[in-house]
Amino acid sequence: MRVLFINSVCGTGSTGKITAALAEDYERQGHEVRIAYGRYSYVPEKFRKFAVRIGSMKDVYIHALLSRFTDKHGFYSRSATRDFLKWADEFDPDLLWLHNIHGYYINIELLFSWIKARPRMKVLWTLHDCWSFTGHCAYFTMIGCDAWRTGCKHCPQKSSYPASLIDGSRWNYEAKKRIFTGVRDLTLITPSKWLADLTRQSFLRDYPVEVRYNTIDTKIFRPTPSDFRRRAGLEGKFIVLGVASVWEKRKGLEDFVRLSGLLDPERFAIVLVGVSKKQIKALPKNIIAIEHTNNQRELAEIYTASDVMFTPSYEENYPTVNLEAEACGIPVITYDAGGSPETLHDTRSRVIPCGDIEAVKEELCAMAEG
């Protein structure tokens, strides 16, 4: 069987790692596997045998720029998509497994026209956020918007990803509804019950929806001793860790800033992984900031050296960082957002109402004393 995955990235980031792990599983079963991706040129060496690039970063930049002015994210990259679909015709997959198809790299109209012209091909689509059934945004819970249920318009989040200067949410909603519905053999997969429930209320409701929790590589993410505490000068401190691929607003970076002002610096230390150079300059001096790392063993060492993970996301699907932290032997404190509570299995882990920093402080103090 020939299996083709499509995702924004290959082997990096949460969705890239998930897709690559699935590709390896199919290869072990004897299938021919490829991963088509469109963002970032870097692919870890072990996954390059699967990688098929859609367009180039120039195409991504053009797509993003045009989207900025028109709010038609997913409707550019026509030439790059045509070239890719010519290759896909020759590869002739028996199974197509979509993951993130947003990210300024593929034309969704051309892609789904190609899919609908191949009725014998089985199609799976793992949704990692809500973008597939909204007129613009990837998440809407922070602002309490429910326009996606009946038809988006007057979008209050046009300036958020995928950012636009105008509001094209009504056109986008109707276009996505027309494009994404009507595939003969398509099954939707969500990594959380939370997203499955939302999907069943959307215009995608006629498709079967399965919940398949994401997994992690426990050969990598396991208790991994190191000298991180010594190197970071944190011996004797109770370390509160935060990890994200991108520390955007919904990930709760400001809540870490608030927390840093409440904790005794003689007892506690906050370590954040994944922050940008710009964010590092703006963070308080008592927060230790580490830029993004693709070295998973290094990340496992940092998890293991810490005492607790705090995930203050206000919008989440199924954050694998929580799984990684628990697998490395530390508990997690997470906000009651999206599918985050579904990730917790350690009896020491806790779920806190979104934004209740005082409750987080109390939990941390109790853990430090225990």
Protein backbone atom coordinates (compact mmCIF):
# COMPACT_ATOMS: atom_id res chain seq x y z
CA MET A 1 0.00 0.00 0.00
CA ARG A 2 1.17 3.52 -0.79
CA VAL A 3 0.54 6.03 2.00
CA LEU A 4 0.78 9.80 1.61
CA PHE A 5 0.73 12.21 4.54
CA ILE A 6 0.27 15.96 4.11
CA ASN A 7 1.27 18.31 6.93
CA SER A 8 2.69 21.80 7.21
CA VAL A 9 6.04 20.49 8.56
CA CYS A 10 7.94 17.20 8.52
CA GLY A 11 9.52 15.75 11.65
CA THR A 12 9.59 18.99 13.66
CA GLY A 13 7.08 20.63 15.97
CA SER A 14 4.22 18.69 17.53
CA THR A 15 2.30 17.88 14.33
CA GLY A 16 5.51 17.14 12.40
CA LYS A 17 6.66 14.64 15.03
CA ILE A 18 3.23 13.01 15.16
CA THR A 19 3.10 12.65 11.38
CA ALA A 20 6.65 11.28 11.17
CA ALA A 21 5.93 8.69 13.89
CA LEU A 22 2.90 7.48 11.95
CA ALA A 23 4.99 7.29 8.77
CA GLU A 24 7.55 5.13 10.54
CA ASP A 25 4.81 2.80 11.75
CA TYR A 26 3.49 2.30 8.22
CA GLU A 27 6.99 1.75 6.88
CA ARG A 28 7.62 -0.95 9.49
CA GLN A 29 4.48 -2.67 8.23
CA GLY A 30 5.99 -2.79 4.73
CA HIS A 31 4.15 0.10 3.10
CA GLU A 32 5.61 2.78 0.84
CA VAL A 33 5.32 6.10 2.65
CA ARG A 34 5.83 9.80 1.87
CA ILE A 35 5.22 13.00 3.84
CA ALA A 36 4.42 16.10 1.80
CA TYR A 37 5.11 19.35 3.65
CA GLY A 38 5.41 23.02 2.80
CA ARG A 39 6.87 25.05 5.65
CA TYR A 40 10.53 25.31 6.66
CA SER A 41 13.30 23.57 4.83
CA TYR A 42 14.66 21.74 7.87
CA VAL A 43 13.75 18.05 8.15
CA PRO A 44 15.55 15.79 10.68
CA GLU A 45 17.86 13.41 8.84
CA LYS A 46 15.99 10.25 9.87
CA PHE A 47 12.80 11.53 8.20
CA ARG A 48 14.27 12.88 4.95
CA LYS A 49 13.55 9.58 3.18
CA PHE A 50 9.84 10.38 3.55
CA ALA A 51 9.96 14.09 2.73
CA VAL A 52 8.39 15.66 -0.37
CA ARG A 53 8.49 19.46 -0.44
CA ILE A 54 5.45 21.41 -1.64
CA GLY A 55 6.69 24.65 -3.17
CA SER A 56 9.33 26.74 -1.40
CA MET A 57 9.58 29.29 1.38
CA LYS A 58 9.19 31.96 -1.29
CA ASP A 59 5.77 30.48 -2.09
CA VAL A 60 4.93 30.51 1.63
CA TYR A 61 5.87 34.18 1.97
CA ILE A 62 3.82 35.17 -1.08
CA HIS A 63 0.83 33.14 0.15
CA ALA A 64 1.08 34.76 3.59
CA LEU A 65 1.36 38.27 2.13
CA LEU A 66 -1.65 37.82 -0.14
CA SER A 67 -3.64 36.33 2.72
CA ARG A 68 -2.77 39.34 4.82
CA PHE A 69 -4.47 41.64 2.34
CA THR A 70 -7.40 39.42 1.28
CA ASP A 71 -8.14 37.04 4.19
CA LYS A 72 -8.10 34.11 1.76
CA HIS A 73 -5.71 31.84 3.61
CA GLY A 74 -5.48 28.51 1.82
CA PHE A 75 -6.47 29.83 -1.58
CA TYR A 76 -3.04 30.74 -2.98
CA SER A 77 0.04 28.57 -3.76
CA ARG A 78 -1.73 27.44 -6.93
CA SER A 79 1.39 26.71 -8.94
CA ALA A 80 3.11 24.91 -6.05
CA THR A 81 -0.03 22.84 -5.44
CA ARG A 82 -0.44 21.91 -9.11
CA ASP A 83 3.17 20.74 -9.27
CA PHE A 84 2.72 18.70 -6.11
CA LEU A 85 -0.52 17.10 -7.35
CA LYS A 86 1.23 16.04 -10.56
CA TRP A 87 3.74 14.21 -8.39
CA ALA A 88 0.93 12.80 -6.21
CA ASP A 89 -0.80 11.42 -9.31
CA GLU A 90 2.34 9.47 -10.12
CA PHE A 91 2.74 8.27 -6.53
CA ASP A 92 -0.92 7.19 -6.66
CA PRO A 93 -1.63 6.75 -2.92
CA ASP A 94 -4.08 4.19 -1.60
CA LEU A 95 -4.35 6.14 1.65
CA LEU A 96 -4.13 9.91 2.05
CA TRP A 97 -3.74 11.16 5.61
CA LEU A 98 -4.12 14.91 6.03
CA HIS A 99 -2.90 16.76 9.09
CA ASN A 100 -2.42 20.56 9.18
CA ILE A 101 -3.30 21.87 5.73
CA HIS A 102 -3.17 25.48 6.83
CA GLY A 103 0.10 27.38 7.07
CA TYR A 104 0.33 29.24 3.75
CA TYR A 105 1.69 26.35 1.70
CA ILE A 106 -1.11 24.57 -0.18
CA ASN A 107 -4.26 25.49 -2.10
CA ILE A 108 -7.17 23.75 -0.40
CA GLU A 109 -9.53 24.10 -3.37
CA LEU A 110 -7.14 22.36 -5.78
CA LEU A 111 -6.26 19.76 -3.16
CA PHE A 112 -9.85 18.76 -2.45
CA SER A 113 -10.81 18.78 -6.12
CA TRP A 114 -8.02 16.24 -6.62
CA ILE A 115 -9.24 14.21 -3.63
CA LYS A 116 -12.84 14.15 -4.88
CA ALA A 117 -11.66 12.97 -8.30
CA ARG A 118 -10.14 9.86 -6.64
CA PRO A 119 -13.15 8.08 -5.06
CA ARG A 120 -11.26 4.82 -4.46
CA MET A 121 -8.65 6.53 -2.25
CA LYS A 122 -9.26 6.31 1.49
CA VAL A 123 -8.83 9.67 3.24
CA LEU A 124 -8.10 10.37 6.91
CA TRP A 125 -7.86 13.88 8.29
CA THR A 126 -6.47 14.60 11.75
CA LEU A 127 -7.65 17.97 13.00
CA HIS A 128 -5.15 19.65 15.32
CA ASP A 129 -7.28 22.77 15.83
CA CYS A 130 -10.59 24.33 14.71
CA TRP A 131 -9.46 26.06 11.50
CA SER A 132 -11.17 23.53 9.20
CA PHE A 133 -14.68 24.62 10.22
CA THR A 134 -14.32 28.35 10.92
CA GLY A 135 -14.26 31.33 8.62
CA HIS A 136 -10.89 32.48 9.88
CA CYS A 137 -9.45 31.41 13.23
CA ALA A 138 -7.84 28.26 14.59
CA TYR A 139 -9.33 28.72 18.06
CA PHE A 140 -12.28 30.72 19.39
CA THR A 141 -12.77 29.76 23.04
CA MET A 142 -10.83 32.69 24.55
CA ILE A 143 -13.33 35.15 23.11
CA GLY A 144 -16.37 32.89 23.45
CA CYS A 145 -17.33 33.07 19.78
CA ASP A 146 -19.83 30.53 18.42
CA ALA A 147 -20.46 32.00 14.95
CA TRP A 148 -18.85 28.89 13.44
CA ARG A 149 -21.97 26.91 14.31
CA THR A 150 -24.16 28.76 11.82
CA GLY A 151 -21.88 30.88 9.64
CA CYS A 152 -18.98 33.20 10.40
CA LYS A 153 -19.13 36.94 9.73
CA HIS A 154 -17.75 40.12 11.32
CA CYS A 155 -14.80 38.14 12.66
CA PRO A 156 -13.46 39.56 15.94
CA GLN A 157 -10.13 37.79 15.42
CA LYS A 158 -9.12 38.85 11.93
CA SER A 159 -5.81 40.14 13.32
CA SER A 160 -4.95 36.75 14.83
CA TYR A 161 -3.51 33.81 12.88
CA PRO A 162 -3.97 33.75 9.94
CA ALA A 163 -3.82 37.52 10.31
CA SER A 164 -5.64 39.71 7.80
CA LEU A 165 -6.28 43.41 7.30
CA ILE A 166 -9.86 42.78 6.14
CA ASP A 167 -12.67 40.48 7.22
CA GLY A 168 -13.37 37.70 4.72
CA SER A 169 -14.80 35.27 7.27
CA ARG A 170 -18.21 34.89 5.62
CA TRP A 171 -16.64 34.06 2.22
CA ASN A 172 -14.11 31.72 3.86
CA TYR A 173 -16.77 29.90 5.83
CA GLU A 174 -18.95 29.22 2.80
CA ALA A 175 -15.93 28.27 0.66
CA LYS A 176 -14.59 25.82 3.24
CA LYS A 177 -18.04 24.30 3.71
CA ARG A 178 -18.31 23.71 -0.06
CA ILE A 179 -14.74 22.42 -0.43
CA PHE A 180 -14.41 20.21 2.64
CA THR A 181 -17.77 18.46 2.45
CA GLY A 182 -18.72 15.76 -0.05
CA VAL A 183 -15.65 13.50 0.07
CA ARG A 184 -16.83 9.91 -0.37
CA ASP A 185 -14.51 8.07 2.01
CA LEU A 186 -13.22 10.49 4.62
CA THR A 187 -12.86 9.91 8.36
CA LEU A 188 -12.01 12.75 10.72
CA ILE A 189 -9.66 12.11 13.63
CA THR A 190 -9.29 14.38 16.63
CA PRO A 191 -6.70 14.03 19.41
CA SER A 192 -9.26 15.03 22.08
CA LYS A 193 -12.89 14.47 23.00
CA TRP A 194 -13.20 18.25 23.29
CA LEU A 195 -12.41 18.81 19.60
CA ALA A 196 -14.48 15.80 18.53
CA ASP A 197 -17.53 17.32 20.21
CA LEU A 198 -17.00 20.65 18.44
CA THR A 199 -16.45 18.96 15.07
CA ARG A 200 -19.74 17.06 15.38
CA GLN A 201 -21.50 20.42 15.79
CA SER A 202 -19.86 21.94 12.70
CA PHE A 203 -20.56 21.63 8.96
CA LEU A 204 -18.25 18.58 9.04
CA ARG A 205 -20.84 16.70 11.12
CA ASP A 206 -21.72 14.22 8.38
CA TYR A 207 -18.27 12.61 8.50
CA PRO A 208 -17.45 9.94 11.08
CA VAL A 209 -15.25 11.34 13.85
CA GLU A 210 -12.79 9.21 15.84
CA VAL A 211 -10.83 10.25 18.92
CA ARG A 212 -7.23 9.02 18.81
CA TYR A 213 -5.04 10.46 21.51
CA ASN A 214 -1.61 11.55 20.42
CA THR A 215 1.29 9.55 21.78
CA ILE A 216 4.94 10.33 22.41
CA ASP A 217 8.16 8.36 22.09
CA THR A 218 8.73 7.05 25.60
CA LYS A 219 12.16 5.79 24.58
CA ILE A 220 13.14 9.45 24.42
CA PHE A 221 10.78 11.01 26.95
CA ARG A 222 11.62 9.16 30.16
CA PRO A 223 13.49 10.12 33.34
CA THR A 224 16.83 11.37 31.98
CA PRO A 225 19.39 12.51 34.58
CA SER A 226 21.71 15.39 33.65
CA ASP A 227 23.63 18.29 35.14
CA PHE A 228 21.04 20.86 33.98
CA ARG A 229 20.40 22.18 37.48
CA ARG A 230 24.10 22.75 38.10
CA ARG A 231 24.68 24.37 34.70
CA ALA A 232 21.69 26.66 35.17
CA GLY A 233 22.64 27.54 38.76
CA LEU A 234 19.35 26.15 40.10
CA GLU A 235 20.56 23.67 42.70
CA GLY A 236 18.25 23.71 45.71
CA LYS A 237 15.45 25.51 43.83
CA PHE A 238 11.94 24.21 43.09
CA ILE A 239 11.80 24.47 39.29
CA VAL A 240 8.53 25.37 37.54
CA LEU A 241 8.84 24.58 33.83
CA GLY A 242 6.94 25.89 30.82
CA VAL A 243 7.38 24.52 27.30
CA ALA A 244 5.85 25.62 23.99
CA SER A 245 6.83 25.56 20.33
CA VAL A 246 5.66 29.18 20.04
CA TRP A 247 4.77 31.33 23.03
CA GLU A 248 1.82 33.17 21.51
CA LYS A 249 -0.88 34.92 23.56
CA ARG A 250 -3.14 31.90 23.95
CA LYS A 251 -0.25 29.89 25.44
CA GLY A 252 -0.32 32.06 28.55
CA LEU A 253 3.12 33.66 28.58
CA GLU A 254 1.76 36.65 30.51
CA ASP A 255 0.54 34.29 33.22
CA PHE A 256 4.11 33.11 33.76
CA VAL A 257 5.11 36.76 34.13
CA ARG A 258 2.36 37.23 36.74
CA LEU A 259 3.40 34.04 38.51
CA SER A 260 7.02 35.17 38.67
CA GLY A 261 5.93 38.11 40.80
CA LEU A 262 4.10 35.87 43.28
CA LEU A 263 6.70 33.18 43.94
CA ASP A 264 9.56 33.53 46.42
CA PRO A 265 12.73 33.73 44.24
CA GLU A 266 14.74 32.13 47.04
CA ARG A 267 12.66 28.95 46.81
CA PHE A 268 11.32 28.87 43.25
CA ALA A 269 12.73 29.21 39.75
CA ILE A 270 10.78 29.50 36.50
CA VAL A 271 12.30 28.03 33.34
CA LEU A 272 10.65 28.62 29.96
CA VAL A 273 11.60 26.69 26.81
CA GLY A 274 10.69 27.88 23.32
CA VAL A 275 10.78 31.64 23.78
CA SER A 276 11.99 33.94 21.02
CA LYS A 277 14.88 36.39 21.28
CA LYS A 278 12.40 39.26 21.35
CA GLN A 279 10.39 37.66 24.15
CA ILE A 280 13.54 36.95 26.17
CA LYS A 281 14.36 40.68 26.23
CA ALA A 282 10.89 41.48 27.59
CA LEU A 283 10.76 38.80 30.30
CA PRO A 284 11.53 39.58 33.96
CA LYS A 285 15.08 38.78 35.02
CA ASN A 286 13.90 36.08 37.41
CA ILE A 287 12.60 33.91 34.52
CA ILE A 288 15.23 31.70 32.89
CA ALA A 289 14.48 31.62 29.17
CA ILE A 290 15.69 29.00 26.70
CA GLU A 291 15.12 29.28 22.98
CA HIS A 292 13.46 26.54 20.96
CA THR A 293 15.32 23.24 20.74
CA ASN A 294 14.90 20.35 18.31
CA ASN A 295 17.07 18.16 20.54
CA GLN A 296 14.52 15.91 22.22
CA ARG A 297 17.02 14.34 24.61
CA GLU A 298 17.97 17.81 25.84
CA LEU A 299 14.29 18.55 26.38
CA ALA A 300 13.86 15.27 28.30
CA GLU A 301 16.78 16.31 30.53
CA ILE A 302 15.12 19.65 31.27
CA TYR A 303 11.79 17.98 32.07
CA THR A 304 13.52 15.51 34.40
CA ALA A 305 15.51 18.21 36.20
CA SER A 306 12.33 20.22 36.88
CA ASP A 307 9.85 19.68 39.71
CA VAL A 308 6.59 20.53 37.95
CA MET A 309 5.31 21.60 34.54
CA PHE A 310 2.85 24.50 34.28
CA THR A 311 0.77 24.73 31.09
CA PRO A 312 -1.22 27.99 31.24
CA SER A 313 -2.78 27.71 27.77
CA TYR A 314 -6.21 29.28 27.35
CA GLU A 315 -6.82 27.39 24.09
CA GLU A 316 -5.53 23.87 23.50
CA ASN A 317 -6.39 20.70 21.63
CA TYR A 318 -4.26 17.96 23.20
CA PRO A 319 -0.87 19.34 24.28
CA THR A 320 1.78 16.62 23.98
CA VAL A 321 4.16 18.63 26.19
CA ASN A 322 2.03 17.48 29.13
CA LEU A 323 2.52 13.86 28.08
CA GLU A 324 6.26 14.42 27.73
CA ALA A 325 6.54 16.00 31.17
CA GLU A 326 4.68 13.20 32.95
CA ALA A 327 6.68 10.57 31.03
CA CYS A 328 9.85 12.19 32.40
CA GLY A 329 8.52 11.82 35.94
CA ILE A 330 7.14 15.26 36.84
CA PRO A 331 3.52 16.30 37.49
CA VAL A 332 1.67 18.91 35.46
CA ILE A 333 -0.51 21.85 36.45
CA THR A 334 -2.70 22.80 33.51
CA TYR A 335 -5.57 25.17 32.87
CA ASP A 336 -8.99 23.68 32.24
CA ALA A 337 -8.83 24.53 28.53
CA GLY A 338 -9.81 22.41 25.54
CA GLY A 339 -8.39 18.91 25.69
CA SER A 340 -5.64 19.75 28.22
CA PRO A 341 -7.28 17.90 31.14
CA GLU A 342 -7.47 14.77 28.96
CA THR A 343 -3.65 14.61 28.86
CA LEU A 344 -3.16 14.11 32.59
CA HIS A 345 -2.55 10.67 34.12
CA ASP A 346 -0.19 11.34 37.06
CA THR A 347 -2.20 11.49 40.30
CA ARG A 348 -0.09 14.47 41.38
CA SER A 349 -1.12 16.53 38.37
CA ARG A 350 -3.79 19.21 38.74
CA VAL A 351 -6.35 21.10 36.63
CA ILE A 352 -6.86 24.78 37.49
CA PRO A 353 -9.49 27.23 36.18
CA CYS A 354 -8.07 29.42 33.41
CA GLY A 355 -6.29 32.48 34.73
CA ASP A 356 -6.44 31.59 38.43
CA ILE A 357 -2.81 32.35 39.21
CA GLU A 358 -3.43 32.42 42.96
CA ALA A 359 -4.67 28.82 42.79
CA VAL A 360 -1.57 27.90 40.77
CA LYS A 361 0.64 29.52 43.41
CA GLU A 362 -1.11 27.58 46.17
CA GLU A 363 -0.65 24.28 44.32
CA LEU A 364 3.03 25.01 43.72
CA CYS A 365 3.65 25.91 47.35
CA ALA A 366 1.90 22.72 48.46
CA MET A 367 4.01 20.66 46.06
CA ALA A 368 7.23 22.35 47.19
CA GLU A 369 6.45 21.67 50.83
CA GLY A 370 5.37 18.06 50.13
